Amino acid sequence: MSPSAVSTPPRRRARSTAAQRRRAAARRRNRLIAAVLVGVVVLGVVLLMPLVQKTVNEFSLPLTNADVIRQQAAQKRLDPALIAAVIYAETKFDPRSSAAGAEGLMQIMPETALFLAHRSGATTFTTSDLATPQVNIAYGSYYLRYLLDEYHGNVTDALAAYNGGESNVDRWIAAARAQGHALTVDEIPFPETRAYVAKVLSAEGKYRSKYAAQLYG
């Protein structure tokens, strides 16, 4: 009798059928577990997306002390986004002392702060106060307002003076006027100041759109 003609014993057939059922059940469980895991991952991504986006925004375009910025903007008649953009260009909201001696979030030079304190009538100010964010933003905002008034509201000129100094900007403006036009960003002779003004102007628009609730709410 050939092997193919030998029938499989009932007990062996039963064991084989049970094993197949167990394997099929295991496959169904694995598919179910995989589907659940995919669902959990998708749900996690959906729930975490706002937090991830906020973290990305804060990393690439940080913002702190929004309440102080709003307050100073209102007092000094400034756009809050402009103050935030200057802080971003100066320190990216990481207060520190520069090699040149500028202090705090808005990188105020001690001599500039003393000039502003005298001009504003402050009597208790000391340069160590510039390490305090509230004081630093107040003086930086005052300086921005002063420069805007000096340059008749011209933001480009005021920002150039904030970074490059008034005497330099006065010369650049005079040279531009001699050619019959106002000073443009591209005409600023100092590469650092030219890049600084462009950076602030670009960041101002981004802060206005990304942080409208914090800066204008």
N, C-alpha and C. Protein backbone atom coordinates (compact mmCIF):
# COMPACT_ATOMS: atom_id res chain seq x y z
N MET A 1 0.87 -1.19 0.00
CA MET A 1 0.00 0.00 0.00
C MET A 1 0.89 1.23 0.00
N SER A 2 0.57 2.20 -0.88
CA SER A 2 1.38 3.43 -0.96
C SER A 2 1.10 4.32 0.23
N PRO A 3 2.11 5.22 0.58
CA PRO A 3 1.92 6.12 1.74
C PRO A 3 0.72 7.02 1.60
N SER A 4 0.43 7.44 0.35
CA SER A 4 -0.69 8.36 0.16
C SER A 4 -2.02 7.71 0.46
N ALA A 5 -2.03 6.43 0.45
CA ALA A 5 -3.29 5.74 0.69
C ALA A 5 -3.57 5.55 2.15
N VAL A 6 -2.53 5.86 3.01
CA VAL A 6 -2.72 5.70 4.45
C VAL A 6 -3.45 6.92 5.00
N SER A 7 -4.54 6.74 5.64
CA SER A 7 -5.32 7.86 6.17
C SER A 7 -4.72 8.35 7.47
N THR A 8 -4.90 9.67 7.73
CA THR A 8 -4.39 10.28 8.96
C THR A 8 -5.29 9.88 10.12
N PRO A 9 -4.70 9.42 11.22
CA PRO A 9 -5.51 9.02 12.37
C PRO A 9 -6.36 10.18 12.86
N PRO A 10 -7.55 9.94 13.38
CA PRO A 10 -8.44 11.01 13.86
C PRO A 10 -7.79 11.89 14.91
N ARG A 11 -7.02 11.30 15.86
CA ARG A 11 -6.41 12.10 16.92
C ARG A 11 -5.41 13.10 16.34
N ARG A 12 -4.63 12.62 15.34
CA ARG A 12 -3.64 13.51 14.73
C ARG A 12 -4.33 14.62 13.96
N ARG A 13 -5.44 14.25 13.27
CA ARG A 13 -6.18 15.28 12.53
C ARG A 13 -6.74 16.32 13.50
N ALA A 14 -7.21 15.90 14.65
CA ALA A 14 -7.77 16.82 15.64
C ALA A 14 -6.70 17.77 16.16
N ARG A 15 -5.48 17.19 16.42
CA ARG A 15 -4.39 18.05 16.90
C ARG A 15 -4.00 19.07 15.84
N SER A 16 -3.97 18.63 14.59
CA SER A 16 -3.61 19.53 13.49
C SER A 16 -4.63 20.65 13.34
N THR A 17 -5.91 20.29 13.44
CA THR A 17 -6.97 21.30 13.33
C THR A 17 -6.90 22.29 14.48
N ALA A 18 -6.63 21.82 15.68
CA ALA A 18 -6.52 22.71 16.84
C ALA A 18 -5.35 23.66 16.70
N ALA A 19 -4.24 23.14 16.17
CA ALA A 19 -3.05 23.99 15.98
C ALA A 19 -3.34 25.07 14.95
N GLN A 20 -4.05 24.72 13.88
CA GLN A 20 -4.39 25.70 12.87
C GLN A 20 -5.29 26.79 13.45
N ARG A 21 -6.24 26.35 14.30
CA ARG A 21 -7.14 27.33 14.93
C ARG A 21 -6.36 28.28 15.84
N ARG A 22 -5.37 27.69 16.59
CA ARG A 22 -4.58 28.54 17.48
C ARG A 22 -3.75 29.56 16.67
N ARG A 23 -3.18 29.08 15.57
CA ARG A 23 -2.40 29.99 14.74
C ARG A 23 -3.27 31.09 14.14
N ALA A 24 -4.47 30.70 13.70
CA ALA A 24 -5.39 31.70 13.13
C ALA A 24 -5.81 32.71 14.20
N ALA A 25 -6.07 32.22 15.41
CA ALA A 25 -6.45 33.12 16.50
C ALA A 25 -5.29 34.05 16.85
N ALA A 26 -4.06 33.50 16.84
CA ALA A 26 -2.88 34.33 17.13
C ALA A 26 -2.71 35.43 16.08
N ARG A 27 -2.95 35.07 14.82
CA ARG A 27 -2.85 36.07 13.75
C ARG A 27 -3.89 37.17 13.93
N ARG A 28 -5.12 36.76 14.32
CA ARG A 28 -6.17 37.76 14.54
C ARG A 28 -5.81 38.69 15.70
N ARG A 29 -5.26 38.07 16.77
CA ARG A 29 -4.84 38.90 17.92
C ARG A 29 -3.74 39.87 17.52
N ASN A 30 -2.79 39.39 16.74
CA ASN A 30 -1.68 40.24 16.32
C ASN A 30 -2.17 41.40 15.45
N ARG A 31 -3.13 41.08 14.55
CA ARG A 31 -3.69 42.14 13.71
C ARG A 31 -4.45 43.16 14.56
N LEU A 32 -5.19 42.67 15.56
CA LEU A 32 -5.93 43.57 16.44
C LEU A 32 -4.98 44.45 17.25
N ILE A 33 -3.92 43.83 17.79
CA ILE A 33 -2.93 44.60 18.57
C ILE A 33 -2.26 45.65 17.69
N ALA A 34 -1.91 45.26 16.45
CA ALA A 34 -1.28 46.21 15.54
C ALA A 34 -2.21 47.37 15.22
N ALA A 35 -3.50 47.06 15.02
CA ALA A 35 -4.47 48.12 14.72
C ALA A 35 -4.62 49.06 15.91
N VAL A 36 -4.66 48.48 17.11
CA VAL A 36 -4.78 49.31 18.32
C VAL A 36 -3.56 50.20 18.47
N LEU A 37 -2.37 49.64 18.25
CA LEU A 37 -1.14 50.42 18.37
C LEU A 37 -1.11 51.56 17.36
N VAL A 38 -1.52 51.28 16.13
CA VAL A 38 -1.57 52.34 15.11
C VAL A 38 -2.54 53.44 15.54
N GLY A 39 -3.70 53.02 16.08
CA GLY A 39 -4.67 54.00 16.54
C GLY A 39 -4.14 54.87 17.66
N VAL A 40 -3.42 54.23 18.59
CA VAL A 40 -2.84 54.98 19.71
C VAL A 40 -1.81 55.98 19.20
N VAL A 41 -0.97 55.55 18.25
CA VAL A 41 0.05 56.44 17.70
C VAL A 41 -0.60 57.63 16.99
N VAL A 42 -1.61 57.34 16.17
CA VAL A 42 -2.30 58.42 15.45
C VAL A 42 -2.95 59.40 16.42
N LEU A 43 -3.62 58.85 17.44
CA LEU A 43 -4.26 59.71 18.44
C LEU A 43 -3.22 60.54 19.17
N GLY A 44 -2.10 59.92 19.51
CA GLY A 44 -1.04 60.65 20.20
C GLY A 44 -0.50 61.79 19.36
N VAL A 45 -0.32 61.53 18.06
CA VAL A 45 0.18 62.58 17.17
C VAL A 45 -0.81 63.74 17.10
N VAL A 46 -2.09 63.40 16.97
CA VAL A 46 -3.14 64.44 16.89
C VAL A 46 -3.16 65.28 18.17
N LEU A 47 -3.09 64.60 19.33
CA LEU A 47 -3.17 65.31 20.61
C LEU A 47 -1.91 66.13 20.88
N LEU A 48 -0.77 65.62 20.46
CA LEU A 48 0.50 66.29 20.75
C LEU A 48 0.87 67.35 19.72
N MET A 49 0.21 67.36 18.58
CA MET A 49 0.58 68.29 17.52
C MET A 49 0.59 69.76 17.96
N PRO A 50 -0.47 70.22 18.67
CA PRO A 50 -0.41 71.62 19.13
C PRO A 50 0.78 71.90 20.04
N LEU A 51 1.08 70.93 20.93
CA LEU A 51 2.22 71.12 21.84
C LEU A 51 3.53 71.13 21.06
N VAL A 52 3.63 70.22 20.08
CA VAL A 52 4.85 70.18 19.26
C VAL A 52 5.01 71.47 18.49
N GLN A 53 3.90 71.97 17.91
CA GLN A 53 3.95 73.21 17.15
C GLN A 53 4.35 74.37 18.04
N LYS A 54 3.81 74.39 19.28
CA LYS A 54 4.16 75.46 20.21
C LYS A 54 5.64 75.40 20.55
N THR A 55 6.15 74.18 20.77
CA THR A 55 7.57 74.03 21.09
C THR A 55 8.44 74.49 19.93
N VAL A 56 8.06 74.14 18.71
CA VAL A 56 8.81 74.57 17.53
C VAL A 56 8.79 76.09 17.43
N ASN A 57 7.61 76.68 17.64
CA ASN A 57 7.51 78.14 17.57
C ASN A 57 8.39 78.81 18.61
N GLU A 58 8.37 78.25 19.84
CA GLU A 58 9.14 78.87 20.90
C GLU A 58 10.63 78.70 20.67
N PHE A 59 10.99 77.57 20.05
CA PHE A 59 12.41 77.35 19.79
C PHE A 59 12.90 78.27 18.67
N SER A 60 12.13 78.38 17.60
CA SER A 60 12.56 79.17 16.46
C SER A 60 12.21 80.64 16.61
N LEU A 61 11.15 80.95 17.33
CA LEU A 61 10.72 82.33 17.52
C LEU A 61 10.21 82.46 18.97
N PRO A 62 11.12 82.52 19.92
CA PRO A 62 10.72 82.50 21.34
C PRO A 62 10.05 83.80 21.77
N LEU A 63 9.31 83.70 22.87
CA LEU A 63 8.68 84.89 23.46
C LEU A 63 8.52 84.68 24.95
N THR A 64 9.02 85.61 25.74
CA THR A 64 8.79 85.64 27.17
C THR A 64 8.44 87.07 27.57
N ASN A 65 7.95 87.23 28.78
CA ASN A 65 7.63 88.57 29.30
C ASN A 65 6.66 89.33 28.39
N ALA A 66 5.71 88.60 27.83
CA ALA A 66 4.75 89.25 26.91
C ALA A 66 3.95 90.33 27.62
N ASP A 67 3.64 90.12 28.90
CA ASP A 67 2.86 91.12 29.63
C ASP A 67 3.65 92.42 29.79
N VAL A 68 4.96 92.31 30.03
CA VAL A 68 5.80 93.50 30.16
C VAL A 68 5.92 94.21 28.81
N ILE A 69 6.06 93.43 27.74
CA ILE A 69 6.15 94.02 26.40
C ILE A 69 4.87 94.77 26.06
N ARG A 70 3.72 94.17 26.35
CA ARG A 70 2.44 94.85 26.09
C ARG A 70 2.35 96.16 26.87
N GLN A 71 2.73 96.09 28.14
CA GLN A 71 2.65 97.27 28.99
C GLN A 71 3.54 98.39 28.47
N GLN A 72 4.78 98.06 28.16
CA GLN A 72 5.71 99.07 27.68
C GLN A 72 5.32 99.60 26.30
N ALA A 73 4.80 98.74 25.46
CA ALA A 73 4.34 99.18 24.14
C ALA A 73 3.23 100.21 24.28
N ALA A 74 2.31 99.96 25.21
CA ALA A 74 1.21 100.90 25.43
C ALA A 74 1.73 102.23 25.98
N GLN A 75 2.65 102.16 26.92
CA GLN A 75 3.18 103.38 27.53
C GLN A 75 4.04 104.20 26.57
N LYS A 76 4.79 103.50 25.71
CA LYS A 76 5.73 104.18 24.82
C LYS A 76 5.18 104.38 23.41
N ARG A 77 3.94 103.98 23.19
CA ARG A 77 3.31 104.12 21.86
C ARG A 77 4.13 103.37 20.80
N LEU A 78 4.38 102.10 21.09
CA LEU A 78 5.13 101.25 20.19
C LEU A 78 4.32 100.02 19.81
N ASP A 79 4.67 99.41 18.70
CA ASP A 79 4.08 98.13 18.32
C ASP A 79 4.74 97.05 19.19
N PRO A 80 3.96 96.27 19.93
CA PRO A 80 4.57 95.20 20.74
C PRO A 80 5.44 94.25 19.93
N ALA A 81 5.04 94.00 18.69
CA ALA A 81 5.82 93.10 17.84
C ALA A 81 7.20 93.68 17.54
N LEU A 82 7.29 95.00 17.47
CA LEU A 82 8.59 95.63 17.22
C LEU A 82 9.52 95.43 18.42
N ILE A 83 8.99 95.60 19.62
CA ILE A 83 9.80 95.36 20.82
C ILE A 83 10.26 93.91 20.86
N ALA A 84 9.33 92.98 20.61
CA ALA A 84 9.68 91.57 20.62
C ALA A 84 10.73 91.25 19.57
N ALA A 85 10.61 91.87 18.40
CA ALA A 85 11.57 91.62 17.32
C ALA A 85 12.96 92.14 17.66
N VAL A 86 13.03 93.28 18.33
CA VAL A 86 14.32 93.81 18.75
C VAL A 86 14.97 92.87 19.77
N ILE A 87 14.16 92.40 20.73
CA ILE A 87 14.69 91.45 21.72
C ILE A 87 15.18 90.19 21.02
N TYR A 88 14.41 89.72 20.05
CA TYR A 88 14.81 88.52 19.30
C TYR A 88 16.15 88.74 18.60
N ALA A 89 16.30 89.88 17.93
CA ALA A 89 17.53 90.16 17.20
C ALA A 89 18.72 90.35 18.14
N GLU A 90 18.44 90.89 19.32
CA GLU A 90 19.52 91.16 20.27
C GLU A 90 19.96 89.91 21.03
N THR A 91 19.00 89.16 21.56
CA THR A 91 19.36 88.05 22.46
C THR A 91 18.52 86.79 22.29
N LYS A 92 17.53 86.81 21.40
CA LYS A 92 16.59 85.69 21.28
C LYS A 92 15.97 85.35 22.65
N PHE A 93 15.72 86.37 23.44
CA PHE A 93 15.08 86.25 24.75
C PHE A 93 15.92 85.46 25.75
N ASP A 94 17.22 85.47 25.54
CA ASP A 94 18.16 84.84 26.48
C ASP A 94 19.05 85.95 27.03
N PRO A 95 18.67 86.60 28.14
CA PRO A 95 19.41 87.76 28.63
C PRO A 95 20.84 87.42 29.01
N ARG A 96 21.74 88.31 28.63
CA ARG A 96 23.16 88.09 28.92
C ARG A 96 23.90 89.41 28.77
N SER A 97 25.16 89.39 29.15
CA SER A 97 26.03 90.54 28.94
C SER A 97 26.86 90.30 27.69
N SER A 98 27.02 91.33 26.87
CA SER A 98 27.84 91.18 25.67
C SER A 98 29.29 91.54 25.98
N ALA A 99 30.17 91.20 25.05
CA ALA A 99 31.59 91.52 25.21
C ALA A 99 31.80 93.02 25.27
N ALA A 100 30.90 93.77 24.61
CA ALA A 100 31.02 95.23 24.61
C ALA A 100 30.44 95.87 25.87
N GLY A 101 29.75 95.06 26.70
CA GLY A 101 29.20 95.58 27.94
C GLY A 101 27.71 95.83 27.93
N ALA A 102 27.04 95.52 26.81
CA ALA A 102 25.59 95.68 26.75
C ALA A 102 24.93 94.65 27.66
N GLU A 103 23.80 95.04 28.25
CA GLU A 103 23.17 94.21 29.27
C GLU A 103 21.74 93.83 28.92
N GLY A 104 21.37 92.61 29.32
CA GLY A 104 19.97 92.20 29.36
C GLY A 104 19.34 91.87 28.02
N LEU A 105 18.04 91.67 28.07
CA LEU A 105 17.27 91.22 26.91
C LEU A 105 17.44 92.12 25.69
N MET A 106 17.44 93.44 25.92
CA MET A 106 17.51 94.38 24.80
C MET A 106 18.90 94.97 24.62
N GLN A 107 19.89 94.39 25.33
CA GLN A 107 21.30 94.75 25.16
C GLN A 107 21.52 96.26 25.25
N ILE A 108 21.18 96.81 26.41
CA ILE A 108 21.35 98.24 26.66
C ILE A 108 22.75 98.50 27.19
N MET A 109 23.45 99.44 26.57
CA MET A 109 24.75 99.84 27.10
C MET A 109 24.54 100.66 28.37
N PRO A 110 25.37 100.47 29.39
CA PRO A 110 25.20 101.22 30.64
C PRO A 110 25.16 102.73 30.44
N GLU A 111 26.02 103.26 29.57
CA GLU A 111 26.03 104.71 29.34
C GLU A 111 24.74 105.18 28.68
N THR A 112 24.19 104.33 27.79
CA THR A 112 22.89 104.67 27.17
C THR A 112 21.80 104.66 28.21
N ALA A 113 21.82 103.66 29.10
CA ALA A 113 20.81 103.58 30.16
C ALA A 113 20.90 104.80 31.09
N LEU A 114 22.10 105.22 31.41
CA LEU A 114 22.26 106.40 32.28
C LEU A 114 21.74 107.66 31.59
N PHE A 115 21.99 107.76 30.29
CA PHE A 115 21.46 108.89 29.52
C PHE A 115 19.93 108.88 29.53
N LEU A 116 19.35 107.69 29.33
CA LEU A 116 17.90 107.58 29.32
C LEU A 116 17.31 107.83 30.70
N ALA A 117 18.00 107.36 31.74
CA ALA A 117 17.53 107.58 33.11
C ALA A 117 17.52 109.08 33.42
N HIS A 118 18.58 109.77 33.04
CA HIS A 118 18.65 111.22 33.26
C HIS A 118 17.56 111.93 32.46
N ARG A 119 17.36 111.50 31.21
CA ARG A 119 16.38 112.14 30.34
C ARG A 119 14.96 111.94 30.85
N SER A 120 14.71 110.76 31.43
CA SER A 120 13.36 110.45 31.90
C SER A 120 13.11 110.91 33.33
N GLY A 121 14.16 111.38 33.99
CA GLY A 121 14.00 111.88 35.36
C GLY A 121 14.09 110.81 36.42
N ALA A 122 14.58 109.62 36.06
CA ALA A 122 14.73 108.56 37.05
C ALA A 122 15.84 108.92 38.04
N THR A 123 15.60 108.67 39.31
CA THR A 123 16.56 109.07 40.35
C THR A 123 17.17 107.89 41.10
N THR A 124 16.59 106.71 40.98
CA THR A 124 17.07 105.56 41.75
C THR A 124 17.70 104.49 40.87
N PHE A 125 17.84 104.76 39.57
CA PHE A 125 18.35 103.75 38.64
C PHE A 125 19.84 103.50 38.84
N THR A 126 20.22 102.21 38.81
CA THR A 126 21.62 101.81 38.74
C THR A 126 21.77 100.84 37.58
N THR A 127 22.96 100.78 36.99
CA THR A 127 23.13 99.95 35.80
C THR A 127 22.90 98.46 36.09
N SER A 128 23.05 98.05 37.34
CA SER A 128 22.77 96.65 37.68
C SER A 128 21.30 96.31 37.49
N ASP A 129 20.44 97.34 37.49
CA ASP A 129 19.01 97.11 37.27
C ASP A 129 18.73 96.56 35.87
N LEU A 130 19.66 96.73 34.94
CA LEU A 130 19.44 96.28 33.57
C LEU A 130 19.34 94.76 33.46
N ALA A 131 19.78 94.05 34.49
CA ALA A 131 19.66 92.60 34.49
C ALA A 131 18.23 92.14 34.74
N THR A 132 17.40 93.04 35.24
CA THR A 132 15.99 92.72 35.50
C THR A 132 15.19 92.89 34.21
N PRO A 133 14.50 91.84 33.72
CA PRO A 133 13.78 91.94 32.45
C PRO A 133 12.83 93.13 32.37
N GLN A 134 12.07 93.38 33.46
CA GLN A 134 11.11 94.48 33.42
C GLN A 134 11.80 95.82 33.21
N VAL A 135 12.92 96.02 33.90
CA VAL A 135 13.66 97.28 33.77
C VAL A 135 14.31 97.37 32.40
N ASN A 136 14.90 96.27 31.96
CA ASN A 136 15.58 96.26 30.67
C ASN A 136 14.63 96.56 29.52
N ILE A 137 13.46 95.92 29.54
CA ILE A 137 12.47 96.16 28.48
C ILE A 137 11.95 97.59 28.55
N ALA A 138 11.79 98.10 29.76
CA ALA A 138 11.33 99.49 29.92
C ALA A 138 12.33 100.46 29.30
N TYR A 139 13.61 100.28 29.58
CA TYR A 139 14.63 101.19 29.05
C TYR A 139 14.83 100.97 27.55
N GLY A 140 14.80 99.71 27.11
CA GLY A 140 14.93 99.46 25.68
C GLY A 140 13.77 100.06 24.90
N SER A 141 12.57 99.96 25.44
CA SER A 141 11.39 100.53 24.79
C SER A 141 11.47 102.06 24.79
N TYR A 142 11.94 102.62 25.89
CA TYR A 142 12.12 104.09 25.96
C TYR A 142 13.11 104.54 24.89
N TYR A 143 14.19 103.78 24.74
CA TYR A 143 15.21 104.13 23.74
C TYR A 143 14.65 104.03 22.33
N LEU A 144 13.84 102.98 22.06
CA LEU A 144 13.20 102.87 20.75
C LEU A 144 12.30 104.06 20.47
N ARG A 145 11.51 104.46 21.48
CA ARG A 145 10.62 105.61 21.31
C ARG A 145 11.42 106.89 21.05
N TYR A 146 12.50 107.04 21.81
CA TYR A 146 13.37 108.22 21.63
C TYR A 146 13.93 108.26 20.20
N LEU A 147 14.42 107.11 19.72
CA LEU A 147 15.01 107.07 18.37
C LEU A 147 13.96 107.29 17.29
N LEU A 148 12.79 106.73 17.46
CA LEU A 148 11.72 106.96 16.49
C LEU A 148 11.34 108.44 16.44
N ASP A 149 11.31 109.08 17.59
CA ASP A 149 11.03 110.52 17.61
C ASP A 149 12.15 111.31 16.94
N GLU A 150 13.40 110.90 17.21
CA GLU A 150 14.55 111.58 16.62
C GLU A 150 14.54 111.48 15.10
N TYR A 151 14.08 110.33 14.59
CA TYR A 151 14.11 110.09 13.15
C TYR A 151 12.71 110.15 12.53
N HIS A 152 11.85 110.93 13.19
CA HIS A 152 10.53 111.27 12.64
C HIS A 152 9.72 110.03 12.26
N GLY A 153 9.79 109.01 13.08
CA GLY A 153 8.99 107.82 12.88
C GLY A 153 9.54 106.83 11.86
N ASN A 154 10.72 107.09 11.34
CA ASN A 154 11.31 106.18 10.36
C ASN A 154 11.91 104.97 11.09
N VAL A 155 11.27 103.82 10.93
CA VAL A 155 11.67 102.63 11.68
C VAL A 155 13.05 102.14 11.26
N THR A 156 13.34 102.20 9.95
CA THR A 156 14.66 101.76 9.47
C THR A 156 15.77 102.58 10.09
N ASP A 157 15.62 103.90 10.09
CA ASP A 157 16.63 104.78 10.67
C ASP A 157 16.78 104.52 12.17
N ALA A 158 15.65 104.36 12.86
CA ALA A 158 15.68 104.16 14.31
C ALA A 158 16.38 102.85 14.67
N LEU A 159 16.06 101.79 13.93
CA LEU A 159 16.70 100.50 14.20
C LEU A 159 18.19 100.54 13.88
N ALA A 160 18.53 101.21 12.80
CA ALA A 160 19.95 101.34 12.45
C ALA A 160 20.70 102.08 13.55
N ALA A 161 20.09 103.10 14.13
CA ALA A 161 20.71 103.85 15.22
C ALA A 161 20.79 103.01 16.49
N TYR A 162 19.78 102.19 16.73
CA TYR A 162 19.78 101.32 17.91
C TYR A 162 21.00 100.40 17.88
N ASN A 163 21.35 99.94 16.69
CA ASN A 163 22.48 99.02 16.56
C ASN A 163 23.79 99.72 16.24
N GLY A 164 23.75 100.70 15.34
CA GLY A 164 24.99 101.30 14.83
C GLY A 164 25.36 102.65 15.39
N GLY A 165 24.45 103.23 16.18
CA GLY A 165 24.75 104.54 16.77
C GLY A 165 24.18 105.69 15.95
N GLU A 166 23.74 106.73 16.66
CA GLU A 166 23.09 107.86 15.99
C GLU A 166 24.04 108.63 15.08
N SER A 167 25.27 108.84 15.50
CA SER A 167 26.19 109.63 14.68
C SER A 167 26.44 108.97 13.33
N ASN A 168 26.57 107.65 13.33
CA ASN A 168 26.76 106.94 12.06
C ASN A 168 25.53 107.06 11.18
N VAL A 169 24.37 106.86 11.78
CA VAL A 169 23.13 106.93 11.00
C VAL A 169 22.91 108.33 10.45
N ASP A 170 23.26 109.35 11.22
CA ASP A 170 23.13 110.72 10.72
C ASP A 170 23.96 110.93 9.46
N ARG A 171 25.16 110.36 9.43
CA ARG A 171 26.01 110.48 8.24
C ARG A 171 25.41 109.73 7.06
N TRP A 172 24.87 108.54 7.34
CA TRP A 172 24.29 107.74 6.26
C TRP A 172 23.06 108.43 5.68
N ILE A 173 22.26 108.99 6.55
CA ILE A 173 21.05 109.70 6.09
C ILE A 173 21.45 110.89 5.24
N ALA A 174 22.47 111.64 5.68
CA ALA A 174 22.92 112.81 4.92
C ALA A 174 23.43 112.40 3.54
N ALA A 175 24.15 111.29 3.48
CA ALA A 175 24.66 110.82 2.19
C ALA A 175 23.52 110.41 1.27
N ALA A 176 22.53 109.75 1.82
CA ALA A 176 21.37 109.33 1.02
C ALA A 176 20.59 110.55 0.52
N ARG A 177 20.42 111.53 1.39
CA ARG A 177 19.69 112.75 0.99
C ARG A 177 20.44 113.50 -0.10
N ALA A 178 21.76 113.46 -0.04
CA ALA A 178 22.55 114.13 -1.07
C ALA A 178 22.31 113.51 -2.44
N GLN A 179 21.90 112.24 -2.42
CA GLN A 179 21.58 111.56 -3.67
C GLN A 179 20.09 111.64 -4.00
N GLY A 180 19.35 112.34 -3.15
CA GLY A 180 17.95 112.60 -3.45
C GLY A 180 16.96 111.57 -2.97
N HIS A 181 17.34 110.74 -1.99
CA HIS A 181 16.39 109.75 -1.49
C HIS A 181 16.68 109.44 -0.02
N ALA A 182 15.75 108.71 0.59
CA ALA A 182 15.91 108.32 1.99
C ALA A 182 16.84 107.12 2.10
N LEU A 183 17.39 106.95 3.27
CA LEU A 183 18.27 105.81 3.53
C LEU A 183 17.47 104.51 3.46
N THR A 184 17.98 103.54 2.71
CA THR A 184 17.36 102.23 2.63
C THR A 184 18.21 101.21 3.38
N VAL A 185 17.61 100.07 3.67
CA VAL A 185 18.33 99.03 4.39
C VAL A 185 19.57 98.60 3.61
N ASP A 186 19.43 98.44 2.30
CA ASP A 186 20.55 97.96 1.48
C ASP A 186 21.71 98.94 1.44
N GLU A 187 21.44 100.21 1.77
CA GLU A 187 22.49 101.22 1.70
C GLU A 187 23.25 101.39 3.02
N ILE A 188 22.83 100.70 4.05
CA ILE A 188 23.52 100.81 5.33
C ILE A 188 24.93 100.23 5.17
N PRO A 189 25.97 101.03 5.41
CA PRO A 189 27.34 100.57 5.12
C PRO A 189 27.84 99.44 6.03
N PHE A 190 27.41 99.42 7.30
CA PHE A 190 27.89 98.40 8.23
C PHE A 190 27.15 97.09 7.97
N PRO A 191 27.84 96.02 7.58
CA PRO A 191 27.16 94.74 7.34
C PRO A 191 26.37 94.26 8.55
N GLU A 192 26.94 94.42 9.75
CA GLU A 192 26.23 93.96 10.95
C GLU A 192 24.94 94.73 11.15
N THR A 193 25.00 96.04 10.98
CA THR A 193 23.80 96.87 11.17
C THR A 193 22.78 96.61 10.07
N ARG A 194 23.25 96.43 8.86
CA ARG A 194 22.35 96.13 7.75
C ARG A 194 21.61 94.83 8.00
N ALA A 195 22.34 93.80 8.42
CA ALA A 195 21.71 92.51 8.72
C ALA A 195 20.79 92.62 9.92
N TYR A 196 21.16 93.42 10.90
CA TYR A 196 20.35 93.60 12.11
C TYR A 196 19.00 94.22 11.76
N VAL A 197 19.01 95.29 11.00
CA VAL A 197 17.75 95.96 10.64
C VAL A 197 16.86 95.02 9.85
N ALA A 198 17.43 94.30 8.90
CA ALA A 198 16.64 93.36 8.10
C ALA A 198 16.05 92.25 8.99
N LYS A 199 16.82 91.80 9.95
CA LYS A 199 16.36 90.74 10.86
C LYS A 199 15.21 91.22 11.72
N VAL A 200 15.32 92.42 12.25
CA VAL A 200 14.24 92.95 13.10
C VAL A 200 12.96 93.14 12.28
N LEU A 201 13.08 93.72 11.11
CA LEU A 201 11.90 93.97 10.30
C LEU A 201 11.21 92.67 9.90
N SER A 202 11.99 91.65 9.60
CA SER A 202 11.42 90.34 9.26
C SER A 202 10.75 89.71 10.48
N ALA A 203 11.43 89.76 11.62
CA ALA A 203 10.89 89.15 12.84
C ALA A 203 9.64 89.87 13.32
N GLU A 204 9.56 91.18 13.09
CA GLU A 204 8.39 91.94 13.55
C GLU A 204 7.10 91.38 12.96
N GLY A 205 7.12 91.12 11.67
CA GLY A 205 5.93 90.56 11.03
C GLY A 205 5.59 89.17 11.55
N LYS A 206 6.61 88.37 11.81
CA LYS A 206 6.37 87.02 12.32
C LYS A 206 5.80 87.05 13.74
N TYR A 207 6.31 87.93 14.59
CA TYR A 207 5.76 88.04 15.94
C TYR A 207 4.33 88.55 15.91
N ARG A 208 4.06 89.44 15.00
CA ARG A 208 2.70 89.99 14.91
C ARG A 208 1.69 88.91 14.54
N SER A 209 2.08 87.98 13.68
CA SER A 209 1.15 86.94 13.24
C SER A 209 1.13 85.74 14.18
N LYS A 210 2.29 85.32 14.69
CA LYS A 210 2.35 84.11 15.51
C LYS A 210 1.90 84.33 16.94
N TYR A 211 2.12 85.53 17.46
CA TYR A 211 1.84 85.78 18.87
C TYR A 211 0.82 86.92 19.07
N ALA A 212 -0.16 86.95 18.18
CA ALA A 212 -1.15 88.03 18.24
C ALA A 212 -1.87 88.04 19.60
N ALA A 213 -2.26 86.86 20.08
CA ALA A 213 -3.00 86.79 21.34
C ALA A 213 -2.14 87.26 22.52
N GLN A 214 -0.86 86.87 22.53
CA GLN A 214 0.00 87.23 23.64
C GLN A 214 0.41 88.69 23.62
N LEU A 215 0.62 89.23 22.42
CA LEU A 215 1.13 90.60 22.31
C LEU A 215 0.05 91.66 22.19
N TYR A 216 -1.14 91.26 21.71
CA TYR A 216 -2.20 92.24 21.50
C TYR A 216 -3.47 91.91 22.25
N GLY A 217 -3.48 90.73 22.91
CA GLY A 217 -4.71 90.30 23.58
C GLY A 217 -5.01 91.09 24.85
